[in-house]
PDB file of N, CA and C in Angstrom:
ATOM      1  N   UNK A   1     -70.725  41.184  55.974  1.00  0.00           N
ATOM      2  CA  UNK A   1     -69.827  41.143  54.936  1.00  0.00           C
ATOM      3  C   UNK A   1     -68.715  40.453  55.981  1.00  0.00           C
ATOM      4  N   UNK A   2     -67.988  39.897  55.833  1.00  0.00           N
ATOM      5  CA  UNK A   2     -66.718  39.389  56.312  1.00  0.00           C
ATOM      6  C   UNK A   2     -65.798  40.615  56.475  1.00  0.00           C
ATOM      7  N   UNK A   3     -65.246  40.440  57.732  1.00  0.00           N
ATOM      8  CA  UNK A   3     -63.738  41.022  57.858  1.00  0.00           C
ATOM      9  C   UNK A   3     -62.862  40.467  57.841  1.00  0.00           C
ATOM     10  N   UNK A   4     -61.437  41.333  58.000  1.00  0.00           N
ATOM     11  CA  UNK A   4     -60.158  40.615  58.895  1.00  0.00           C
ATOM     12  C   UNK A   4     -58.984  41.867  58.526  1.00  0.00           C
ATOM     13  N   UNK A   5     -57.816  41.117  58.777  1.00  0.00           N
ATOM     14  CA  UNK A   5     -57.014  41.565  58.951  1.00  0.00           C
ATOM     15  C   UNK A   5     -55.439  41.587  58.530  1.00  0.00           C
ATOM     16  N   UNK A   6     -54.966  41.492  58.531  1.00  0.00           N
ATOM     17  CA  UNK A   6     -53.181  40.909  57.744  1.00  0.00           C
ATOM     18  C   UNK A   6     -51.977  41.699  58.263  1.00  0.00           C
ATOM     19  N   UNK A   7     -51.488  40.787  58.218  1.00  0.00           N
ATOM     20  CA  UNK A   7     -49.756  40.915  58.897  1.00  0.00           C
ATOM     21  C   UNK A   7     -48.983  40.567  58.158  1.00  0.00           C
ATOM     22  N   UNK A   8     -48.224  42.124  57.861  1.00  0.00           N
ATOM     23  CA  UNK A   8     -47.231  41.104  56.536  1.00  0.00           C
ATOM     24  C   UNK A   8     -45.851  41.203  57.430  1.00  0.00           C
ATOM     25  N   UNK A   9     -44.957  40.210  57.274  1.00  0.00           N
ATOM     26  CA  UNK A   9     -43.453  40.568  57.940  1.00  0.00           C
ATOM     27  C   UNK A   9     -42.835  41.175  57.339  1.00  0.00           C
ATOM     28  N   UNK A  10     -42.364  42.055  57.454  1.00  0.00           N
ATOM     29  CA  UNK A  10     -41.290  43.466  56.830  1.00  0.00           C
ATOM     30  C   UNK A  10     -40.374  42.958  56.211  1.00  0.00           C
ATOM     31  N   UNK A  11     -39.530  41.876  57.258  1.00  0.00           N
ATOM     32  CA  UNK A  11     -38.580  41.337  56.858  1.00  0.00           C
ATOM     33  C   UNK A  11     -38.292  40.430  56.103  1.00  0.00           C
ATOM     34  N   UNK A  12     -39.098  39.955  56.048  1.00  0.00           N
ATOM     35  CA  UNK A  12     -39.267  38.646  55.175  1.00  0.00           C
ATOM     36  C   UNK A  12     -39.581  38.965  54.021  1.00  0.00           C
ATOM     37  N   UNK A  13     -40.561  39.793  53.547  1.00  0.00           N
ATOM     38  CA  UNK A  13     -40.661  40.578  52.525  1.00  0.00           C
ATOM     39  C   UNK A  13     -39.699  40.837  51.592  1.00  0.00           C
ATOM     40  N   UNK A  14     -40.008  40.712  49.869  1.00  0.00           N
ATOM     41  CA  UNK A  14     -38.779  40.944  49.104  1.00  0.00           C
ATOM     42  C   UNK A  14     -39.252  41.870  48.321  1.00  0.00           C
ATOM     43  N   UNK A  15     -40.584  42.653  48.760  1.00  0.00           N
ATOM     44  CA  UNK A  15     -41.041  43.625  47.506  1.00  0.00           C
ATOM     45  C   UNK A  15     -41.291  43.599  46.282  1.00  0.00           C
ATOM     46  N   UNK A  16     -41.952  42.066  46.323  1.00  0.00           N
ATOM     47  CA  UNK A  16     -42.392  41.300  44.828  1.00  0.00           C
ATOM     48  C   UNK A  16     -43.782  41.751  44.176  1.00  0.00           C
ATOM     49  N   UNK A  17     -44.325  42.440  45.269  1.00  0.00           N
ATOM     50  CA  UNK A  17     -45.676  43.174  45.377  1.00  0.00           C
ATOM     51  C   UNK A  17     -46.956  42.207  45.124  1.00  0.00           C
ATOM     52  N   UNK A  18     -46.763  41.426  44.455  1.00  0.00           N
ATOM     53  CA  UNK A  18     -47.864  40.766  44.354  1.00  0.00           C
ATOM     54  C   UNK A  18     -48.914  40.524  45.290  1.00  0.00           C
ATOM     55  N   UNK A  19     -48.573  40.105  45.602  1.00  0.00           N
ATOM     56  CA  UNK A  19     -50.187  40.465  47.277  1.00  0.00           C
ATOM     57  C   UNK A  19     -51.157  42.035  46.515  1.00  0.00           C
ATOM     58  N   UNK A  20     -50.117  42.951  46.285  1.00  0.00           N
ATOM     59  CA  UNK A  20     -50.825  44.253  46.172  1.00  0.00           C
ATOM     60  C   UNK A  20     -51.805  44.377  45.131  1.00  0.00           C
ATOM     61  N   UNK A  21     -50.715  43.604  43.982  1.00  0.00           N
ATOM     62  CA  UNK A  21     -51.811  43.326  42.222  1.00  0.00           C
ATOM     63  C   UNK A  21     -53.377  42.184  43.067  1.00  0.00           C
ATOM     64  N   UNK A  22     -53.150  41.493  43.588  1.00  0.00           N
ATOM     65  CA  UNK A  22     -53.696  39.952  44.240  1.00  0.00           C
ATOM     66  C   UNK A  22     -55.070  40.514  45.304  1.00  0.00           C
ATOM     67  N   UNK A  23     -54.452  42.108  45.979  1.00  0.00           N
ATOM     68  CA  UNK A  23     -56.042  42.447  46.904  1.00  0.00           C
ATOM     69  C   UNK A  23     -56.599  42.974  45.955  1.00  0.00           C
ATOM     70  N   UNK A  24     -57.940  42.914  46.600  1.00  0.00           N
ATOM     71  CA  UNK A  24     -59.240  42.582  45.620  1.00  0.00           C
ATOM     72  C   UNK A  24     -59.691  44.701  46.401  1.00  0.00           C
ATOM     73  N   UNK A  25     -59.593  44.466  47.480  1.00  0.00           N
ATOM     74  CA  UNK A  25     -59.922  45.488  48.142  1.00  0.00           C
ATOM     75  C   UNK A  25     -58.571  46.360  48.017  1.00  0.00           C
ATOM     76  N   UNK A  26     -57.768  46.427  47.193  1.00  0.00           N
ATOM     77  CA  UNK A  26     -56.591  47.809  47.553  1.00  0.00           C
ATOM     78  C   UNK A  26     -56.501  48.293  48.584  1.00  0.00           C
ATOM     79  N   UNK A  27     -56.328  47.221  49.699  1.00  0.00           N
ATOM     80  CA  UNK A  27     -55.099  48.398  51.074  1.00  0.00           C
ATOM     81  C   UNK A  27     -54.152  47.288  50.957  1.00  0.00           C
ATOM     82  N   UNK A  28     -53.427  47.359  50.395  1.00  0.00           N
ATOM     83  CA  UNK A  28     -51.677  46.872  50.536  1.00  0.00           C
ATOM     84  C   UNK A  28     -51.194  47.941  49.304  1.00  0.00           C
ATOM     85  N   UNK A  29     -50.453  47.961  49.997  1.00  0.00           N
ATOM     86  CA  UNK A  29     -49.240  49.276  49.232  1.00  0.00           C
ATOM     87  C   UNK A  29     -47.537  48.712  49.528  1.00  0.00           C
ATOM     88  N   UNK A  30     -46.774  50.003  48.612  1.00  0.00           N
ATOM     89  CA  UNK A  30     -45.516  49.764  48.903  1.00  0.00           C
ATOM     90  C   UNK A  30     -44.956  50.347  50.433  1.00  0.00           C
ATOM     91  N   UNK A  31     -44.305  50.020  50.755  1.00  0.00           N
ATOM     92  CA  UNK A  31     -43.929  50.737  52.039  1.00  0.00           C
ATOM     93  C   UNK A  31     -42.881  51.596  51.626  1.00  0.00           C
ATOM     94  N   UNK A  32     -43.094  52.920  52.424  1.00  0.00           N
ATOM     95  CA  UNK A  32     -41.649  53.910  51.970  1.00  0.00           C
ATOM     96  C   UNK A  32     -40.028  54.328  52.701  1.00  0.00           C
ATOM     97  N   UNK A  33     -40.618  52.560  53.902  1.00  0.00           N
ATOM     98  CA  UNK A  33     -39.248  52.557  54.119  1.00  0.00           C
ATOM     99  C   UNK A  33     -38.845  51.307  54.132  1.00  0.00           C
ATOM    100  N   UNK A  34     -37.447  51.318  54.118  1.00  0.00           N
ATOM    101  CA  UNK A  34     -36.434  50.034  53.385  1.00  0.00           C
ATOM    102  C   UNK A  34     -36.280  48.603  54.730  1.00  0.00           C
ATOM    103  N   UNK A  35     -36.668  47.475  54.193  1.00  0.00           N
ATOM    104  CA  UNK A  35     -36.283  46.849  55.243  1.00  0.00           C
ATOM    105  C   UNK A  35     -35.054  46.159  55.588  1.00  0.00           C
ATOM    106  N   UNK A  36     -34.195  45.731  56.442  1.00  0.00           N
ATOM    107  CA  UNK A  36     -32.928  45.442  56.502  1.00  0.00           C
ATOM    108  C   UNK A  36     -32.374  45.236  55.439  1.00  0.00           C
ATOM    109  N   UNK A  37     -32.978  44.250  54.089  1.00  0.00           N
ATOM    110  CA  UNK A  37     -31.952  43.860  53.063  1.00  0.00           C
ATOM    111  C   UNK A  37     -32.029  44.995  51.594  1.00  0.00           C
ATOM    112  N   UNK A  38     -32.989  46.354  52.285  1.00  0.00           N
ATOM    113  CA  UNK A  38     -32.760  47.730  51.234  1.00  0.00           C
ATOM    114  C   UNK A  38     -33.933  47.416  50.456  1.00  0.00           C
ATOM    115  N   UNK A  39     -35.253  46.594  50.591  1.00  0.00           N
ATOM    116  CA  UNK A  39     -36.440  46.603  49.445  1.00  0.00           C
ATOM    117  C   UNK A  39     -36.922  47.017  50.490  1.00  0.00           C
ATOM    118  N   UNK A  40     -38.319  47.489  50.080  1.00  0.00           N
ATOM    119  CA  UNK A  40     -39.437  48.384  50.458  1.00  0.00           C
ATOM    120  C   UNK A  40     -40.691  47.561  50.397  1.00  0.00           C
ATOM    121  N   UNK A  41     -40.642  46.985  51.629  1.00  0.00           N
ATOM    122  CA  UNK A  41     -41.634  45.834  51.085  1.00  0.00           C
ATOM    123  C   UNK A  41     -43.213  46.384  51.470  1.00  0.00           C
ATOM    124  N   UNK A  42     -44.235  45.213  51.014  1.00  0.00           N
ATOM    125  CA  UNK A  42     -45.790  45.520  50.814  1.00  0.00           C
ATOM    126  C   UNK A  42     -46.577  45.791  52.555  1.00  0.00           C
ATOM    127  N   UNK A  43     -47.605  46.308  52.877  1.00  0.00           N
ATOM    128  CA  UNK A  43     -47.964  46.786  54.294  1.00  0.00           C
ATOM    129  C   UNK A  43     -48.911  46.773  53.742  1.00  0.00           C
ATOM    130  N   UNK A  44     -49.764  46.739  54.681  1.00  0.00           N
ATOM    131  CA  UNK A  44     -50.983  46.794  55.305  1.00  0.00           C
ATOM    132  C   UNK A  44     -52.164  47.794  55.785  1.00  0.00           C
ATOM    133  N   UNK A  45     -52.936  48.716  54.630  1.00  0.00           N
ATOM    134  CA  UNK A  45     -52.834  49.772  55.384  1.00  0.00           C
ATOM    135  C   UNK A  45     -54.110  49.554  56.423  1.00  0.00           C
ATOM    136  N   UNK A  46     -53.546  49.892  57.601  1.00  0.00           N
ATOM    137  CA  UNK A  46     -54.772  49.788  58.504  1.00  0.00           C
ATOM    138  C   UNK A  46     -55.580  50.695  59.331  1.00  0.00           C
ATOM    139  N   UNK A  47     -55.153  52.171  58.576  1.00  0.00           N
ATOM    140  CA  UNK A  47     -56.554  53.156  58.401  1.00  0.00           C
ATOM    141  C   UNK A  47     -57.433  52.646  57.169  1.00  0.00           C
ATOM    142  N   UNK A  48     -58.292  52.350  57.551  1.00  0.00           N
ATOM    143  CA  UNK A  48     -59.546  51.232  56.085  1.00  0.00           C
ATOM    144  C   UNK A  48     -60.362  52.720  55.934  1.00  0.00           C
ATOM    145  N   UNK A  49     -60.639  53.133  54.766  1.00  0.00           N
ATOM    146  CA  UNK A  49     -61.878  53.960  54.636  1.00  0.00           C
ATOM    147  C   UNK A  49     -63.329  52.753  54.968  1.00  0.00           C
ATOM    148  N   UNK A  50     -64.423  52.888  54.185  1.00  0.00           N
ATOM    149  CA  UNK A  50     -65.290  52.110  55.007  1.00  0.00           C
ATOM    150  C   UNK A  50     -65.712  51.356  53.711  1.00  0.00           C
ATOM    151  N   UNK A  51     -65.238  51.843  52.481  1.00  0.00           N
ATOM    152  CA  UNK A  51     -65.321  50.735  51.334  1.00  0.00           C
ATOM    153  C   UNK A  51     -64.227  50.167  50.975  1.00  0.00           C
ATOM    154  N   UNK A  52     -63.451  50.342  51.628  1.00  0.00           N
ATOM    155  CA  UNK A  52     -62.044  49.843  51.184  1.00  0.00           C
ATOM    156  C   UNK A  52     -61.542  48.766  52.393  1.00  0.00           C
ATOM    157  N   UNK A  53     -61.977  47.593  53.116  1.00  0.00           N
ATOM    158  CA  UNK A  53     -61.522  46.839  54.159  1.00  0.00           C
ATOM    159  C   UNK A  53     -61.477  45.720  53.739  1.00  0.00           C
ATOM    160  N   UNK A  54     -60.453  44.828  54.673  1.00  0.00           N
ATOM    161  CA  UNK A  54     -60.118  43.257  54.827  1.00  0.00           C
ATOM    162  C   UNK A  54     -60.719  42.886  54.301  1.00  0.00           C
ATOM    163  N   UNK A  55     -61.577  42.187  53.159  1.00  0.00           N
ATOM    164  CA  UNK A  55     -62.254  40.581  53.720  1.00  0.00           C
ATOM    165  C   UNK A  55     -61.717  38.947  54.251  1.00  0.00           C
ATOM    166  N   UNK A  56     -61.227  39.315  54.316  1.00  0.00           N
ATOM    167  CA  UNK A  56     -59.845  37.780  54.601  1.00  0.00           C
ATOM    168  C   UNK A  56     -60.501  37.578  53.618  1.00  0.00           C
ATOM    169  N   UNK A  57     -60.011  37.029  52.673  1.00  0.00           N
ATOM    170  CA  UNK A  57     -60.010  36.444  51.336  1.00  0.00           C
ATOM    171  C   UNK A  57     -58.835  35.382  51.266  1.00  0.00           C
ATOM    172  N   UNK A  58     -57.807  36.014  51.684  1.00  0.00           N
ATOM    173  CA  UNK A  58     -56.864  35.371  51.660  1.00  0.00           C
ATOM    174  C   UNK A  58     -55.869  35.249  50.379  1.00  0.00           C
ATOM    175  N   UNK A  59     -56.243  36.167  49.707  1.00  0.00           N
ATOM    176  CA  UNK A  59     -55.918  36.273  48.268  1.00  0.00           C
ATOM    177  C   UNK A  59     -54.514  36.806  48.064  1.00  0.00           C
ATOM    178  N   UNK A  60     -54.000  37.111  49.066  1.00  0.00           N
ATOM    179  CA  UNK A  60     -52.345  38.196  49.201  1.00  0.00           C
ATOM    180  C   UNK A  60     -51.495  37.212  49.794  1.00  0.00           C
ATOM    181  N   UNK A  61     -52.569  35.690  50.860  1.00  0.00           N
ATOM    182  CA  UNK A  61     -51.089  34.913  51.208  1.00  0.00           C
ATOM    183  C   UNK A  61     -51.160  34.064  50.308  1.00  0.00           C
ATOM    184  N   UNK A  62     -52.073  33.793  49.314  1.00  0.00           N
ATOM    185  CA  UNK A  62     -52.236  32.727  48.276  1.00  0.00           C
ATOM    186  C   UNK A  62     -51.281  32.926  47.768  1.00  0.00           C
ATOM    187  N   UNK A  63     -50.757  34.159  47.385  1.00  0.00           N
ATOM    188  CA  UNK A  63     -49.603  34.670  46.125  1.00  0.00           C
ATOM    189  C   UNK A  63     -48.354  34.852  46.717  1.00  0.00           C
ATOM    190  N   UNK A  64     -48.369  34.957  47.862  1.00  0.00           N
ATOM    191  CA  UNK A  64     -46.664  35.342  48.338  1.00  0.00           C
ATOM    192  C   UNK A  64     -46.071  33.916  48.188  1.00  0.00           C
ATOM    193  N   UNK A  65     -44.715  34.680  47.412  1.00  0.00           N
ATOM    194  CA  UNK A  65     -43.434  33.901  47.820  1.00  0.00           C
ATOM    195  C   UNK A  65     -42.828  33.427  48.654  1.00  0.00           C
ATOM    196  N   UNK A  66     -42.968  33.802  49.647  1.00  0.00           N
ATOM    197  CA  UNK A  66     -42.348  34.433  50.828  1.00  0.00           C
ATOM    198  C   UNK A  66     -43.036  33.772  52.329  1.00  0.00           C
ATOM    199  N   UNK A  67     -43.978  33.618  52.209  1.00  0.00           N
ATOM    200  CA  UNK A  67     -45.280  33.198  53.021  1.00  0.00           C
ATOM    201  C   UNK A  67     -44.641  34.567  54.304  1.00  0.00           C
ATOM    202  N   UNK A  68     -44.943  35.504  53.777  1.00  0.00           N
ATOM    203  CA  UNK A  68     -44.935  36.429  54.596  1.00  0.00           C
ATOM    204  C   UNK A  68     -45.864  37.155  55.095  1.00  0.00           C
ATOM    205  N   UNK A  69     -46.883  36.383  54.645  1.00  0.00           N
ATOM    206  CA  UNK A  69     -48.644  37.089  55.057  1.00  0.00           C
ATOM    207  C   UNK A  69     -49.920  36.069  56.058  1.00  0.00           C
ATOM    208  N   UNK A  70     -49.498  36.766  56.565  1.00  0.00           N
ATOM    209  CA  UNK A  70     -50.787  35.992  58.194  1.00  0.00           C
ATOM    210  C   UNK A  70     -51.919  36.913  57.741  1.00  0.00           C
ATOM    211  N   UNK A  71     -53.357  36.009  57.278  1.00  0.00           N
ATOM    212  CA  UNK A  71     -54.620  36.591  56.968  1.00  0.00           C
ATOM    213  C   UNK A  71     -55.039  35.436  58.651  1.00  0.00           C
ATOM    214  N   UNK A  72     -55.926  37.248  59.095  1.00  0.00           N
ATOM    215  CA  UNK A  72     -56.718  36.979  60.118  1.00  0.00           C
ATOM    216  C   UNK A  72     -58.197  36.941  59.812  1.00  0.00           C
ATOM    217  N   UNK A  73     -59.362  36.170  60.474  1.00  0.00           N
ATOM    218  CA  UNK A  73     -61.016  36.939  60.159  1.00  0.00           C
ATOM    219  C   UNK A  73     -61.532  37.251  61.794  1.00  0.00           C
ATOM    220  N   UNK A  74     -61.964  38.192  61.440  1.00  0.00           N
ATOM    221  CA  UNK A  74     -62.553  38.782  62.560  1.00  0.00           C
ATOM    222  C   UNK A  74     -63.641  37.943  62.938  1.00  0.00           C
ATOM    223  N   UNK A  75     -64.681  38.056  64.144  1.00  0.00           N
ATOM    224  CA  UNK A  75     -65.481  37.098  64.292  1.00  0.00           C
ATOM    225  C   UNK A  75     -66.627  38.539  65.052  1.00  0.00           C
ATOM    226  N   UNK A  76     -67.861  37.650  64.493  1.00  0.00           N
ATOM    227  CA  UNK A  76     -68.665  38.818  64.967  1.00  0.00           C
ATOM    228  C   UNK A  76     -68.360  40.639  64.644  1.00  0.00           C
ATOM    229  N   UNK A  77     -68.354  41.480  65.423  1.00  0.00           N
ATOM    230  CA  UNK A  77     -68.436  42.747  65.383  1.00  0.00           C
ATOM    231  C   UNK A  77     -66.408  42.981  65.828  1.00  0.00           C
ATOM    232  N   UNK A  78     -66.071  41.610  65.740  1.00  0.00           N
ATOM    233  CA  UNK A  78     -64.848  42.160  66.168  1.00  0.00           C
ATOM    234  C   UNK A  78     -64.302  43.532  65.200  1.00  0.00           C
ATOM    235  N   UNK A  79     -63.255  44.341  65.425  1.00  0.00           N
ATOM    236  CA  UNK A  79     -62.414  45.275  64.435  1.00  0.00           C
ATOM    237  C   UNK A  79     -61.150  45.085  64.860  1.00  0.00           C
TER     238      UNK A  79
END
């Protein structure tokens, strides 16, 4: 199975949470800490359960209106 990770720019994110709804693996959530603009950006769940891992599908990246998300796909056994 393909694996990856995402990086969300918390200062660029305006908290629309389109990425949260778009993620088929349910590993993006709302932060509990506000950014400089007072919004609660989306965050990537760094510690993932075995059945809930990033598959680097890019769905979150595709729907982000703020271009605040970068998607990285791991090669081989890299995690």
